[in-house]
Amino acid sequence: METAIQINKTFSLEQLAREGLQQRDVKELSAKIFIKGDKVYFFDQTDNKHYRLYSVIHKRSFFL
């Protein structure tokens, strides 16, 4: 099954919520962080309402 979340695509917060991603606050990074299952998604904020996905890693790699 292929996901609708793709690298370098832009999404609104509403779209990310529909995909089941949950935002996490991380003070040490300027990226917007979202988590779904065992994946961590990193986004740049492109404007006031949109975010560009630039990386996806496994949750264990992020929290080590």
C-alpha atoms as a PDB file:
ATOM      1  CA  MET A   1       0.000   0.000   0.000  1.00  0.00           C
ATOM      2  CA  GLU A   2       1.447   3.362  -1.051  1.00  0.00           C
ATOM      3  CA  THR A   3       1.076   6.416   1.159  1.00  0.00           C
ATOM      4  CA  ALA A   4      -0.070   9.832  -0.050  1.00  0.00           C
ATOM      5  CA  ILE A   5       2.741  11.482   1.955  1.00  0.00           C
ATOM      6  CA  GLN A   6       5.701  11.986  -0.383  1.00  0.00           C
ATOM      7  CA  ILE A   7       9.081  13.693  -0.032  1.00  0.00           C
ATOM      8  CA  ASN A   8       9.194  17.277  -1.426  1.00  0.00           C
ATOM      9  CA  LYS A   9       5.395  17.556  -1.557  1.00  0.00           C
ATOM     10  CA  THR A  10       3.601  20.350   0.319  1.00  0.00           C
ATOM     11  CA  PHE A  11       0.777  19.706   2.797  1.00  0.00           C
ATOM     12  CA  SER A  12      -1.546  21.730   5.007  1.00  0.00           C
ATOM     13  CA  LEU A  13      -2.032  20.876   8.678  1.00  0.00           C
ATOM     14  CA  GLU A  14      -5.508  19.581   7.802  1.00  0.00           C
ATOM     15  CA  GLN A  15      -4.058  17.178   5.221  1.00  0.00           C
ATOM     16  CA  LEU A  16      -1.471  15.905   7.692  1.00  0.00           C
ATOM     17  CA  ALA A  17      -4.159  15.360  10.329  1.00  0.00           C
ATOM     18  CA  ARG A  18      -6.288  13.404   7.815  1.00  0.00           C
ATOM     19  CA  GLU A  19      -3.270  11.175   7.160  1.00  0.00           C
ATOM     20  CA  GLY A  20      -3.059  10.467  10.895  1.00  0.00           C
ATOM     21  CA  LEU A  21       0.165  12.348  11.608  1.00  0.00           C
ATOM     22  CA  GLN A  22       0.525  13.838  15.077  1.00  0.00           C
ATOM     23  CA  GLN A  23       2.719  16.894  15.627  1.00  0.00           C
ATOM     24  CA  ARG A  24       5.439  16.815  18.285  1.00  0.00           C
ATOM     25  CA  ASP A  25       7.266  19.821  19.676  1.00  0.00           C
ATOM     26  CA  VAL A  26      11.051  19.526  19.538  1.00  0.00           C
ATOM     27  CA  LYS A  27      13.059  22.461  20.868  1.00  0.00           C
ATOM     28  CA  GLU A  28      16.439  21.508  19.387  1.00  0.00           C
ATOM     29  CA  LEU A  29      15.242  21.452  15.757  1.00  0.00           C
ATOM     30  CA  SER A  30      13.760  24.116  13.531  1.00  0.00           C
ATOM     31  CA  ALA A  31      11.809  21.450  11.619  1.00  0.00           C
ATOM     32  CA  LYS A  32       8.176  20.624  12.241  1.00  0.00           C
ATOM     33  CA  ILE A  33       8.048  17.036  13.487  1.00  0.00           C
ATOM     34  CA  PHE A  34       5.106  14.682  12.976  1.00  0.00           C
ATOM     35  CA  ILE A  35       4.830  11.056  14.046  1.00  0.00           C
ATOM     36  CA  LYS A  36       2.717   8.225  12.671  1.00  0.00           C
ATOM     37  CA  GLY A  37       3.237   4.653  13.778  1.00  0.00           C
ATOM     38  CA  ASP A  38       6.959   3.862  13.732  1.00  0.00           C
ATOM     39  CA  LYS A  39       7.891   6.748  11.402  1.00  0.00           C
ATOM     40  CA  VAL A  40       9.033  10.325  12.126  1.00  0.00           C
ATOM     41  CA  TYR A  41       8.323  12.921   9.419  1.00  0.00           C
ATOM     42  CA  PHE A  42      10.359  16.154   9.130  1.00  0.00           C
ATOM     43  CA  PHE A  43       8.785  19.209   7.492  1.00  0.00           C
ATOM     44  CA  ASP A  44       9.914  22.730   6.546  1.00  0.00           C
ATOM     45  CA  GLN A  45       7.271  25.401   6.928  1.00  0.00           C
ATOM     46  CA  THR A  46       6.830  26.972   3.463  1.00  0.00           C
ATOM     47  CA  ASP A  47       4.305  29.637   4.493  1.00  0.00           C
ATOM     48  CA  ASN A  48       1.740  30.190   7.259  1.00  0.00           C
ATOM     49  CA  LYS A  49      -0.350  27.169   6.265  1.00  0.00           C
ATOM     50  CA  HIS A  50       1.840  24.693   4.388  1.00  0.00           C
ATOM     51  CA  TYR A  51       4.683  22.304   5.150  1.00  0.00           C
ATOM     52  CA  ARG A  52       7.133  20.508   2.821  1.00  0.00           C
ATOM     53  CA  LEU A  53       8.195  16.984   3.746  1.00  0.00           C
ATOM     54  CA  TYR A  54      11.962  16.556   3.467  1.00  0.00           C
ATOM     55  CA  SER A  55      12.786  13.421   5.463  1.00  0.00           C
ATOM     56  CA  VAL A  56      11.256  10.313   7.002  1.00  0.00           C
ATOM     57  CA  ILE A  57      13.090   8.091   9.488  1.00  0.00           C
ATOM     58  CA  HIS A  58      12.273   5.235  11.840  1.00  0.00           C
ATOM     59  CA  LYS A  59      11.121   6.379  15.291  1.00  0.00           C
ATOM     60  CA  ARG A  60      13.951   4.544  17.089  1.00  0.00           C
ATOM     61  CA  SER A  61      16.575   6.442  15.077  1.00  0.00           C
ATOM     62  CA  PHE A  62      15.056   9.777  16.113  1.00  0.00           C
ATOM     63  CA  PHE A  63      14.870   9.137  19.853  1.00  0.00           C
ATOM     64  CA  LEU A  64      18.289   7.526  20.347  1.00  0.00           C
END
